[in-house]
């Protein structure tokens, strides 16, 4: 059988536990939401890391292709220079005159 004292004691306990109880309830509600947000953040970071890895691989491949093309062009120019040095010199001089003429007419 409860008495008035027991009821007020229970009310006092509830009032004393009130802030802690509210904090516990808020924590219980927030915890799954925080877990879900954390999981989504981890997924996003994983996707970004994967995309960055693929981009780095493609960049390496393209860099290797560019280096190979550059080496092939240098080799071809060297061969042309050995076969026809006067023609290469003529093309270089003509290109220089044309470029100079284009830059002068731009400045006017």
PDB file of N, CA and C in Angstrom:
ATOM      1  N   UNK A   1       0.827  -1.174   0.000  1.00  0.00           N
ATOM      2  CA  UNK A   1       0.000   0.000   0.000  1.00  0.00           C
ATOM      3  C   UNK A   1       0.872   1.237   0.000  1.00  0.00           C
ATOM      4  N   UNK A   2       0.590   2.158  -0.914  1.00  0.00           N
ATOM      5  CA  UNK A   2       1.373   3.371  -1.004  1.00  0.00           C
ATOM      6  C   UNK A   2       0.782   4.441  -0.115  1.00  0.00           C
ATOM      7  N   UNK A   3       1.702   5.188   0.377  1.00  0.00           N
ATOM      8  CA  UNK A   3       1.267   6.321   1.191  1.00  0.00           C
ATOM      9  C   UNK A   3       1.625   7.587   0.451  1.00  0.00           C
ATOM     10  N   UNK A   4       1.232   8.691   1.016  1.00  0.00           N
ATOM     11  CA  UNK A   4       1.534   9.980   0.404  1.00  0.00           C
ATOM     12  C   UNK A   4       3.028  10.188   0.362  1.00  0.00           C
ATOM     13  N   UNK A   5       3.707   9.739   1.369  1.00  0.00           N
ATOM     14  CA  UNK A   5       5.147   9.876   1.427  1.00  0.00           C
ATOM     15  C   UNK A   5       5.792   9.067   0.313  1.00  0.00           C
ATOM     16  N   UNK A   6       5.253   7.842   0.108  1.00  0.00           N
ATOM     17  CA  UNK A   6       5.803   7.019  -0.962  1.00  0.00           C
ATOM     18  C   UNK A   6       5.616   7.674  -2.329  1.00  0.00           C
ATOM     19  N   UNK A   7       4.452   8.277  -2.552  1.00  0.00           N
ATOM     20  CA  UNK A   7       4.165   8.910  -3.825  1.00  0.00           C
ATOM     21  C   UNK A   7       5.070  10.100  -4.038  1.00  0.00           C
ATOM     22  N   UNK A   8       5.253  10.922  -2.993  1.00  0.00           N
ATOM     23  CA  UNK A   8       6.124  12.079  -3.140  1.00  0.00           C
ATOM     24  C   UNK A   8       7.570  11.640  -3.309  1.00  0.00           C
ATOM     25  N   UNK A   9       7.939  10.521  -2.664  1.00  0.00           N
ATOM     26  CA  UNK A   9       9.282   9.989  -2.820  1.00  0.00           C
ATOM     27  C   UNK A   9       9.495   9.543  -4.260  1.00  0.00           C
ATOM     28  N   UNK A  10       8.490   8.898  -4.837  1.00  0.00           N
ATOM     29  CA  UNK A  10       8.569   8.458  -6.220  1.00  0.00           C
ATOM     30  C   UNK A  10       8.625   9.671  -7.149  1.00  0.00           C
ATOM     31  N   UNK A  11       7.863  10.689  -6.889  1.00  0.00           N
ATOM     32  CA  UNK A  11       7.883  11.893  -7.694  1.00  0.00           C
ATOM     33  C   UNK A  11       9.242  12.580  -7.588  1.00  0.00           C
ATOM     34  N   UNK A  12       9.820  12.567  -6.404  1.00  0.00           N
ATOM     35  CA  UNK A  12      11.142  13.163  -6.215  1.00  0.00           C
ATOM     36  C   UNK A  12      12.195  12.361  -6.985  1.00  0.00           C
ATOM     37  N   UNK A  13      12.061  11.027  -6.927  1.00  0.00           N
ATOM     38  CA  UNK A  13      12.993  10.197  -7.689  1.00  0.00           C
ATOM     39  C   UNK A  13      12.858  10.461  -9.192  1.00  0.00           C
ATOM     40  N   UNK A  14      11.629  10.576  -9.657  1.00  0.00           N
ATOM     41  CA  UNK A  14      11.398  10.840 -11.068  1.00  0.00           C
ATOM     42  C   UNK A  14      11.960  12.200 -11.451  1.00  0.00           C
ATOM     43  N   UNK A  15      11.752  13.191 -10.573  1.00  0.00           N
ATOM     44  CA  UNK A  15      12.277  14.526 -10.855  1.00  0.00           C
ATOM     45  C   UNK A  15      13.796  14.507 -10.866  1.00  0.00           C
ATOM     46  N   UNK A  16      14.392  13.767  -9.943  1.00  0.00           N
ATOM     47  CA  UNK A  16      15.852  13.681  -9.892  1.00  0.00           C
ATOM     48  C   UNK A  16      16.390  12.912 -11.093  1.00  0.00           C
ATOM     49  N   UNK A  17      15.678  11.884 -11.504  1.00  0.00           N
ATOM     50  CA  UNK A  17      16.116  11.087 -12.647  1.00  0.00           C
ATOM     51  C   UNK A  17      15.728  11.742 -13.971  1.00  0.00           C
ATOM     52  N   UNK A  18      14.881  12.736 -13.922  1.00  0.00           N
ATOM     53  CA  UNK A  18      14.353  13.383 -15.118  1.00  0.00           C
ATOM     54  C   UNK A  18      15.420  13.784 -16.115  1.00  0.00           C
ATOM     55  N   UNK A  19      16.389  14.618 -15.734  1.00  0.00           N
ATOM     56  CA  UNK A  19      17.399  15.016 -16.712  1.00  0.00           C
ATOM     57  C   UNK A  19      18.203  13.830 -17.250  1.00  0.00           C
ATOM     58  N   UNK A  20      18.568  12.931 -16.350  1.00  0.00           N
ATOM     59  CA  UNK A  20      19.326  11.752 -16.791  1.00  0.00           C
ATOM     60  C   UNK A  20      18.485  10.871 -17.705  1.00  0.00           C
ATOM     61  N   UNK A  21      17.206  10.732 -17.350  1.00  0.00           N
ATOM     62  CA  UNK A  21      16.314   9.913 -18.155  1.00  0.00           C
ATOM     63  C   UNK A  21      16.125  10.528 -19.541  1.00  0.00           C
ATOM     64  N   UNK A  22      15.966  11.837 -19.586  1.00  0.00           N
ATOM     65  CA  UNK A  22      15.807  12.520 -20.869  1.00  0.00           C
ATOM     66  C   UNK A  22      17.067  12.358 -21.711  1.00  0.00           C
ATOM     67  N   UNK A  23      18.225  12.488 -21.087  1.00  0.00           N
ATOM     68  CA  UNK A  23      19.495  12.318 -21.793  1.00  0.00           C
ATOM     69  C   UNK A  23      19.616  10.895 -22.336  1.00  0.00           C
ATOM     70  N   UNK A  24      19.239   9.924 -21.517  1.00  0.00           N
ATOM     71  CA  UNK A  24      19.304   8.527 -21.956  1.00  0.00           C
ATOM     72  C   UNK A  24      18.358   8.275 -23.123  1.00  0.00           C
ATOM     73  N   UNK A  25      17.140   8.857 -23.044  1.00  0.00           N
ATOM     74  CA  UNK A  25      16.189   8.692 -24.143  1.00  0.00           C
ATOM     75  C   UNK A  25      16.714   9.351 -25.418  1.00  0.00           C
ATOM     76  N   UNK A  26      17.249  10.558 -25.285  1.00  0.00           N
ATOM     77  CA  UNK A  26      17.791  11.251 -26.451  1.00  0.00           C
ATOM     78  C   UNK A  26      18.948  10.465 -27.047  1.00  0.00           C
ATOM     79  N   UNK A  27      19.779   9.920 -26.176  1.00  0.00           N
ATOM     80  CA  UNK A  27      20.908   9.117 -26.650  1.00  0.00           C
ATOM     81  C   UNK A  27      20.417   7.867 -27.370  1.00  0.00           C
ATOM     82  N   UNK A  28      19.399   7.232 -26.826  1.00  0.00           N
ATOM     83  CA  UNK A  28      18.856   6.023 -27.444  1.00  0.00           C
ATOM     84  C   UNK A  28      18.256   6.330 -28.810  1.00  0.00           C
ATOM     85  N   UNK A  29      17.650   7.499 -28.932  1.00  0.00           N
ATOM     86  CA  UNK A  29      17.065   7.882 -30.213  1.00  0.00           C
ATOM     87  C   UNK A  29      18.152   8.293 -31.196  1.00  0.00           C
ATOM     88  N   UNK A  30      19.133   9.062 -30.714  1.00  0.00           N
ATOM     89  CA  UNK A  30      20.174   9.598 -31.592  1.00  0.00           C
ATOM     90  C   UNK A  30      21.171   8.532 -32.038  1.00  0.00           C
ATOM     91  N   UNK A  31      21.407   7.539 -31.229  1.00  0.00           N
ATOM     92  CA  UNK A  31      22.436   6.534 -31.535  1.00  0.00           C
ATOM     93  C   UNK A  31      22.222   5.850 -32.885  1.00  0.00           C
ATOM     94  N   UNK A  32      21.030   5.345 -33.186  1.00  0.00           N
ATOM     95  CA  UNK A  32      20.846   4.718 -34.509  1.00  0.00           C
ATOM     96  C   UNK A  32      21.019   5.706 -35.659  1.00  0.00           C
ATOM     97  N   UNK A  33      20.567   6.939 -35.450  1.00  0.00           N
ATOM     98  CA  UNK A  33      20.708   7.955 -36.497  1.00  0.00           C
ATOM     99  C   UNK A  33      22.184   8.246 -36.732  1.00  0.00           C
ATOM    100  N   UNK A  34      22.934   8.394 -35.668  1.00  0.00           N
ATOM    101  CA  UNK A  34      24.375   8.651 -35.771  1.00  0.00           C
ATOM    102  C   UNK A  34      25.070   7.470 -36.440  1.00  0.00           C
ATOM    103  N   UNK A  35      24.678   6.260 -36.063  1.00  0.00           N
ATOM    104  CA  UNK A  35      25.257   5.068 -36.704  1.00  0.00           C
ATOM    105  C   UNK A  35      24.976   5.051 -38.208  1.00  0.00           C
ATOM    106  N   UNK A  36      23.734   5.404 -38.568  1.00  0.00           N
ATOM    107  CA  UNK A  36      23.363   5.419 -39.988  1.00  0.00           C
ATOM    108  C   UNK A  36      24.149   6.483 -40.740  1.00  0.00           C
ATOM    109  N   UNK A  37      24.268   7.678 -40.170  1.00  0.00           N
ATOM    110  CA  UNK A  37      25.044   8.743 -40.805  1.00  0.00           C
ATOM    111  C   UNK A  37      26.514   8.359 -40.923  1.00  0.00           C
ATOM    112  N   UNK A  38      27.022   7.721 -39.901  1.00  0.00           N
ATOM    113  CA  UNK A  38      28.417   7.282 -39.919  1.00  0.00           C
ATOM    114  C   UNK A  38      28.649   6.242 -41.019  1.00  0.00           C
ATOM    115  N   UNK A  39      27.717   5.320 -41.145  1.00  0.00           N
ATOM    116  CA  UNK A  39      27.836   4.292 -42.184  1.00  0.00           C
ATOM    117  C   UNK A  39      27.797   4.933 -43.578  1.00  0.00           C
ATOM    118  N   UNK A  40      26.900   5.913 -43.764  1.00  0.00           N
ATOM    119  CA  UNK A  40      26.827   6.590 -45.061  1.00  0.00           C
ATOM    120  C   UNK A  40      28.109   7.374 -45.337  1.00  0.00           C
ATOM    121  N   UNK A  41      28.648   8.007 -44.303  1.00  0.00           N
ATOM    122  CA  UNK A  41      29.897   8.754 -44.474  1.00  0.00           C
ATOM    123  C   UNK A  41      31.031   7.805 -44.864  1.00  0.00           C
ATOM    124  N   UNK A  42      31.089   6.645 -44.221  1.00  0.00           N
ATOM    125  CA  UNK A  42      32.122   5.658 -44.562  1.00  0.00           C
ATOM    126  C   UNK A  42      31.952   5.169 -45.998  1.00  0.00           C
ATOM    127  N   UNK A  43      30.707   4.921 -46.410  1.00  0.00           N
ATOM    128  CA  UNK A  43      30.452   4.491 -47.785  1.00  0.00           C
ATOM    129  C   UNK A  43      30.908   5.555 -48.782  1.00  0.00           C
ATOM    130  N   UNK A  44      30.595   6.816 -48.464  1.00  0.00           N
ATOM    131  CA  UNK A  44      30.987   7.915 -49.342  1.00  0.00           C
ATOM    132  C   UNK A  44      32.503   8.017 -49.442  1.00  0.00           C
ATOM    133  N   UNK A  45      33.181   7.904 -48.311  1.00  0.00           N
ATOM    134  CA  UNK A  45      34.643   7.964 -48.313  1.00  0.00           C
ATOM    135  C   UNK A  45      35.216   6.792 -49.113  1.00  0.00           C
ATOM    136  N   UNK A  46      34.636   5.614 -48.956  1.00  0.00           N
ATOM    137  CA  UNK A  46      35.100   4.450 -49.721  1.00  0.00           C
ATOM    138  C   UNK A  46      34.917   4.665 -51.225  1.00  0.00           C
ATOM    139  N   UNK A  47      33.764   5.225 -51.614  1.00  0.00           N
ATOM    140  CA  UNK A  47      33.512   5.476 -53.041  1.00  0.00           C
ATOM    141  C   UNK A  47      34.494   6.513 -53.580  1.00  0.00           C
ATOM    142  N   UNK A  48      34.733   7.576 -52.804  1.00  0.00           N
ATOM    143  CA  UNK A  48      35.679   8.601 -53.236  1.00  0.00           C
ATOM    144  C   UNK A  48      37.092   8.034 -53.359  1.00  0.00           C
ATOM    145  N   UNK A  49      37.476   7.200 -52.411  1.00  0.00           N
ATOM    146  CA  UNK A  49      38.805   6.592 -52.463  1.00  0.00           C
ATOM    147  C   UNK A  49      38.936   5.678 -53.684  1.00  0.00           C
ATOM    148  N   UNK A  50      37.871   4.945 -53.976  1.00  0.00           N
ATOM    149  CA  UNK A  50      37.890   4.065 -55.142  1.00  0.00           C
ATOM    150  C   UNK A  50      37.998   4.882 -56.435  1.00  0.00           C
ATOM    151  N   UNK A  51      37.216   5.952 -56.520  1.00  0.00           N
ATOM    152  CA  UNK A  51      37.266   6.806 -57.704  1.00  0.00           C
ATOM    153  C   UNK A  51      38.640   7.445 -57.853  1.00  0.00           C
ATOM    154  N   UNK A  52      39.226   7.875 -56.753  1.00  0.00           N
ATOM    155  CA  UNK A  52      40.563   8.472 -56.805  1.00  0.00           C
ATOM    156  C   UNK A  52      41.592   7.434 -57.257  1.00  0.00           C
ATOM    157  N   UNK A  53      41.448   6.212 -56.791  1.00  0.00           N
ATOM    158  CA  UNK A  53      42.358   5.144 -57.206  1.00  0.00           C
ATOM    159  C   UNK A  53      42.264   4.874 -58.699  1.00  0.00           C
ATOM    160  N   UNK A  54      41.017   4.826 -59.207  1.00  0.00           N
ATOM    161  CA  UNK A  54      40.834   4.601 -60.645  1.00  0.00           C
ATOM    162  C   UNK A  54      41.409   5.767 -61.446  1.00  0.00           C
ATOM    163  N   UNK A  55      41.192   6.974 -60.966  1.00  0.00           N
ATOM    164  CA  UNK A  55      41.724   8.156 -61.665  1.00  0.00           C
ATOM    165  C   UNK A  55      43.249   8.130 -61.679  1.00  0.00           C
ATOM    166  N   UNK A  56      43.846   7.743 -60.574  1.00  0.00           N
ATOM    167  CA  UNK A  56      45.304   7.669 -60.505  1.00  0.00           C
ATOM    168  C   UNK A  56      45.831   6.610 -61.469  1.00  0.00           C
ATOM    169  N   UNK A  57      45.142   5.485 -61.569  1.00  0.00           N
ATOM    170  CA  UNK A  57      45.553   4.437 -62.501  1.00  0.00           C
ATOM    171  C   UNK A  57      45.470   4.932 -63.947  1.00  0.00           C
ATOM    172  N   UNK A  58      44.376   5.614 -64.282  1.00  0.00           N
ATOM    173  CA  UNK A  58      44.218   6.144 -65.643  1.00  0.00           C
ATOM    174  C   UNK A  58      45.285   7.194 -65.938  1.00  0.00           C
ATOM    175  N   UNK A  59      45.580   8.021 -64.949  1.00  0.00           N
ATOM    176  CA  UNK A  59      46.605   9.043 -65.130  1.00  0.00           C
ATOM    177  C   UNK A  59      47.967   8.398 -65.370  1.00  0.00           C
ATOM    178  N   UNK A  60      48.262   7.339 -64.634  1.00  0.00           N
ATOM    179  CA  UNK A  60      49.525   6.615 -64.854  1.00  0.00           C
ATOM    180  C   UNK A  60      49.580   6.033 -66.265  1.00  0.00           C
ATOM    181  N   UNK A  61      48.478   5.429 -66.700  1.00  0.00           N
ATOM    182  CA  UNK A  61      48.441   4.848 -68.044  1.00  0.00           C
ATOM    183  C   UNK A  61      48.637   5.922 -69.113  1.00  0.00           C
ATOM    184  N   UNK A  62      47.939   7.047 -68.955  1.00  0.00           N
ATOM    185  CA  UNK A  62      48.052   8.118 -69.944  1.00  0.00           C
ATOM    186  C   UNK A  62      49.446   8.742 -69.912  1.00  0.00           C
ATOM    187  N   UNK A  63      50.040   8.811 -68.745  1.00  0.00           N
ATOM    188  CA  UNK A  63      51.394   9.338 -68.631  1.00  0.00           C
ATOM    189  C   UNK A  63      52.381   8.434 -69.359  1.00  0.00           C
ATOM    190  N   UNK A  64      52.210   7.134 -69.201  1.00  0.00           N
ATOM    191  CA  UNK A  64      53.070   6.182 -69.906  1.00  0.00           C
ATOM    192  C   UNK A  64      52.877   6.295 -71.419  1.00  0.00           C
ATOM    193  N   UNK A  65      51.625   6.443 -71.856  1.00  0.00           N
ATOM    194  CA  UNK A  65      51.357   6.590 -73.285  1.00  0.00           C
ATOM    195  C   UNK A  65      51.985   7.870 -73.829  1.00  0.00           C
ATOM    196  N   UNK A  66      51.876   8.953 -73.065  1.00  0.00           N
ATOM    197  CA  UNK A  66      52.460  10.227 -73.492  1.00  0.00           C
ATOM    198  C   UNK A  66      53.980  10.129 -73.570  1.00  0.00           C
ATOM    199  N   UNK A  67      54.593   9.460 -72.605  1.00  0.00           N
ATOM    200  CA  UNK A  67      56.046   9.290 -72.631  1.00  0.00           C
ATOM    201  C   UNK A  67      56.465   8.464 -73.850  1.00  0.00           C
ATOM    202  N   UNK A  68      55.701   7.420 -74.153  1.00  0.00           N
ATOM    203  CA  UNK A  68      56.018   6.588 -75.317  1.00  0.00           C
ATOM    204  C   UNK A  68      55.860   7.385 -76.612  1.00  0.00           C
ATOM    205  N   UNK A  69      54.807   8.184 -76.699  1.00  0.00           N
ATOM    206  CA  UNK A  69      54.589   9.013 -77.890  1.00  0.00           C
ATOM    207  C   UNK A  69      55.700  10.039 -78.041  1.00  0.00           C
ATOM    208  N   UNK A  70      56.084  10.653 -76.939  1.00  0.00           N
ATOM    209  CA  UNK A  70      57.168  11.638 -76.961  1.00  0.00           C
ATOM    210  C   UNK A  70      58.471  11.001 -77.435  1.00  0.00           C
ATOM    211  N   UNK A  71      58.763   9.826 -76.931  1.00  0.00           N
ATOM    212  CA  UNK A  71      59.985   9.133 -77.333  1.00  0.00           C
ATOM    213  C   UNK A  71      59.938   8.762 -78.813  1.00  0.00           C
ATOM    214  N   UNK A  72      58.773   8.324 -79.281  1.00  0.00           N
ATOM    215  CA  UNK A  72      58.616   7.954 -80.689  1.00  0.00           C
ATOM    216  C   UNK A  72      58.799   9.183 -81.587  1.00  0.00           C
ATOM    217  N   UNK A  73      58.229  10.329 -81.172  1.00  0.00           N
ATOM    218  CA  UNK A  73      58.379  11.559 -81.962  1.00  0.00           C
ATOM    219  C   UNK A  73      59.834  12.015 -82.013  1.00  0.00           C
ATOM    220  N   UNK A  74      60.522  11.958 -80.865  1.00  0.00           N
ATOM    221  CA  UNK A  74      61.936  12.345 -80.846  1.00  0.00           C
ATOM    222  C   UNK A  74      62.746  11.452 -81.786  1.00  0.00           C
ATOM    223  N   UNK A  75      62.444  10.169 -81.771  1.00  0.00           N
ATOM    224  CA  UNK A  75      63.141   9.221 -82.641  1.00  0.00           C
ATOM    225  C   UNK A  75      62.868   9.553 -84.114  1.00  0.00           C
ATOM    226  N   UNK A  76      61.599   9.827 -84.445  1.00  0.00           N
ATOM    227  CA  UNK A  76      61.245  10.143 -85.827  1.00  0.00           C
ATOM    228  C   UNK A  76      61.899  11.443 -86.292  1.00  0.00           C
ATOM    229  N   UNK A  77      61.892  12.458 -85.415  1.00  0.00           N
ATOM    230  CA  UNK A  77      62.531  13.726 -85.780  1.00  0.00           C
ATOM    231  C   UNK A  77      64.036  13.525 -85.976  1.00  0.00           C
ATOM    232  N   UNK A  78      64.633  12.745 -85.116  1.00  0.00           N
ATOM    233  CA  UNK A  78      66.062  12.449 -85.258  1.00  0.00           C
ATOM    234  C   UNK A  78      66.364  11.749 -86.569  1.00  0.00           C
ATOM    235  N   UNK A  79      65.517  10.807 -86.948  1.00  0.00           N
ATOM    236  CA  UNK A  79      65.715  10.112 -88.227  1.00  0.00           C
ATOM    237  C   UNK A  79      65.550  11.067 -89.406  1.00  0.00           C
ATOM    238  N   UNK A  80      64.534  11.925 -89.345  1.00  0.00           N
ATOM    239  CA  UNK A  80      64.326  12.899 -90.426  1.00  0.00           C
ATOM    240  C   UNK A  80      65.510  13.847 -90.516  1.00  0.00           C
ATOM    241  N   UNK A  81      66.023  14.256 -89.390  1.00  0.00           N
ATOM    242  CA  UNK A  81      67.160  15.173 -89.373  1.00  0.00           C
ATOM    243  C   UNK A  81      68.389  14.516 -89.999  1.00  0.00           C
ATOM    244  N   UNK A  82      68.577  13.226 -89.739  1.00  0.00           N
ATOM    245  CA  UNK A  82      69.723  12.519 -90.324  1.00  0.00           C
ATOM    246  C   UNK A  82      69.537  12.327 -91.832  1.00  0.00           C
ATOM    247  N   UNK A  83      68.317  12.036 -92.262  1.00  0.00           N
ATOM    248  CA  UNK A  83      68.065  11.780 -93.679  1.00  0.00           C
ATOM    249  C   UNK A  83      68.071  13.064 -94.507  1.00  0.00           C
ATOM    250  N   UNK A  84      67.407  14.099 -94.002  1.00  0.00           N
ATOM    251  CA  UNK A  84      67.242  15.342 -94.771  1.00  0.00           C
ATOM    252  C   UNK A  84      67.517  16.560 -93.886  1.00  0.00           C
ATOM    253  N   UNK A  85      68.765  16.797 -93.531  1.00  0.00           N
ATOM    254  CA  UNK A  85      69.047  17.910 -92.622  1.00  0.00           C
ATOM    255  C   UNK A  85      68.680  19.265 -93.212  1.00  0.00           C
ATOM    256  N   UNK A  86      68.854  19.470 -94.494  1.00  0.00           N
ATOM    257  CA  UNK A  86      68.539  20.759 -95.108  1.00  0.00           C
ATOM    258  C   UNK A  86      67.026  21.001 -95.137  1.00  0.00           C
ATOM    259  N   UNK A  87      66.262  19.982 -95.385  1.00  0.00           N
ATOM    260  CA  UNK A  87      64.804  20.127 -95.409  1.00  0.00           C
ATOM    261  C   UNK A  87      64.283  20.479 -94.015  1.00  0.00           C
ATOM    262  N   UNK A  88      64.805  19.820 -93.000  1.00  0.00           N
ATOM    263  CA  UNK A  88      64.392  20.106 -91.626  1.00  0.00           C
ATOM    264  C   UNK A  88      64.770  21.533 -91.259  1.00  0.00           C
ATOM    265  N   UNK A  89      65.953  21.964 -91.646  1.00  0.00           N
ATOM    266  CA  UNK A  89      66.396  23.333 -91.369  1.00  0.00           C
ATOM    267  C   UNK A  89      65.503  24.335 -92.098  1.00  0.00           C
ATOM    268  N   UNK A  90      65.153  24.037 -93.350  1.00  0.00           N
ATOM    269  CA  UNK A  90      64.265  24.914 -94.116  1.00  0.00           C
ATOM    270  C   UNK A  90      62.887  25.033 -93.472  1.00  0.00           C
ATOM    271  N   UNK A  91      62.331  23.917 -93.010  1.00  0.00           N
ATOM    272  CA  UNK A  91      61.020  23.933 -92.348  1.00  0.00           C
ATOM    273  C   UNK A  91      61.098  24.744 -91.059  1.00  0.00           C
ATOM    274  N   UNK A  92      62.178  24.607 -90.303  1.00  0.00           N
ATOM    275  CA  UNK A  92      62.342  25.351 -89.052  1.00  0.00           C
ATOM    276  C   UNK A  92      62.431  26.847 -89.312  1.00  0.00           C
ATOM    277  N   UNK A  93      63.200  27.248 -90.318  1.00  0.00           N
ATOM    278  CA  UNK A  93      63.345  28.678 -90.651  1.00  0.00           C
ATOM    279  C   UNK A  93      62.017  29.233 -91.143  1.00  0.00           C
ATOM    280  N   UNK A  94      61.339  28.517 -92.028  1.00  0.00           N
ATOM    281  CA  UNK A  94      60.044  28.974 -92.545  1.00  0.00           C
ATOM    282  C   UNK A  94      59.025  29.107 -91.418  1.00  0.00           C
ATOM    283  N   UNK A  95      59.002  28.143 -90.515  1.00  0.00           N
ATOM    284  CA  UNK A  95      58.082  28.202 -89.378  1.00  0.00           C
ATOM    285  C   UNK A  95      58.380  29.422 -88.516  1.00  0.00           C
ATOM    286  N   UNK A  96      59.649  29.712 -88.314  1.00  0.00           N
ATOM    287  CA  UNK A  96      60.034  30.881 -87.525  1.00  0.00           C
ATOM    288  C   UNK A  96      59.573  32.171 -88.166  1.00  0.00           C
ATOM    289  N   UNK A  97      59.746  32.314 -89.498  1.00  0.00           N
ATOM    290  CA  UNK A  97      59.288  33.518 -90.199  1.00  0.00           C
ATOM    291  C   UNK A  97      57.770  33.672 -90.097  1.00  0.00           C
ATOM    292  N   UNK A  98      57.062  32.591 -90.324  1.00  0.00           N
ATOM    293  CA  UNK A  98      55.587  32.636 -90.276  1.00  0.00           C
ATOM    294  C   UNK A  98      55.109  33.003 -88.872  1.00  0.00           C
ATOM    295  N   UNK A  99      55.687  32.403 -87.860  1.00  0.00           N
ATOM    296  CA  UNK A  99      55.303  32.699 -86.484  1.00  0.00           C
ATOM    297  C   UNK A  99      55.616  34.151 -86.142  1.00  0.00           C
ATOM    298  N   UNK A 100      56.771  34.647 -86.572  1.00  0.00           N
ATOM    299  CA  UNK A 100      57.145  36.036 -86.329  1.00  0.00           C
ATOM    300  C   UNK A 100      56.169  36.980 -87.014  1.00  0.00           C
ATOM    301  N   UNK A 101      55.801  36.693 -88.263  1.00  0.00           N
ATOM    302  CA  UNK A 101      54.861  37.523 -89.000  1.00  0.00           C
ATOM    303  C   UNK A 101      53.494  37.555 -88.321  1.00  0.00           C
ATOM    304  N   UNK A 102      53.023  36.368 -87.826  1.00  0.00           N
ATOM    305  CA  UNK A 102      51.723  36.285 -87.171  1.00  0.00           C
ATOM    306  C   UNK A 102      51.726  37.084 -85.862  1.00  0.00           C
ATOM    307  N   UNK A 103      52.804  37.038 -85.118  1.00  0.00           N
ATOM    308  CA  UNK A 103      52.870  37.754 -83.849  1.00  0.00           C
ATOM    309  C   UNK A 103      52.948  39.261 -84.082  1.00  0.00           C
ATOM    310  N   UNK A 104      53.635  39.701 -85.133  1.00  0.00           N
ATOM    311  CA  UNK A 104      53.722  41.136 -85.443  1.00  0.00           C
ATOM    312  C   UNK A 104      52.370  41.683 -85.867  1.00  0.00           C
ATOM    313  N   UNK A 105      51.643  40.938 -86.723  1.00  0.00           N
ATOM    314  CA  UNK A 105      50.348  41.432 -87.167  1.00  0.00           C
ATOM    315  C   UNK A 105      49.320  41.412 -86.047  1.00  0.00           C
ATOM    316  N   UNK A 106      49.517  40.651 -85.054  1.00  0.00           N
ATOM    317  CA  UNK A 106      48.619  40.624 -83.898  1.00  0.00           C
ATOM    318  C   UNK A 106      48.815  41.872 -83.046  1.00  0.00           C
ATOM    319  N   UNK A 107      50.034  42.359 -82.970  1.00  0.00           N
ATOM    320  CA  UNK A 107      50.359  43.513 -82.129  1.00  0.00           C
ATOM    321  C   UNK A 107      49.874  44.832 -82.708  1.00  0.00           C
ATOM    322  N   UNK A 108      49.499  44.876 -83.950  1.00  0.00           N
ATOM    323  CA  UNK A 108      49.071  46.137 -84.601  1.00  0.00           C
ATOM    324  C   UNK A 108      47.692  46.512 -84.220  1.00  0.00           C
TER     325      UNK A 108
END
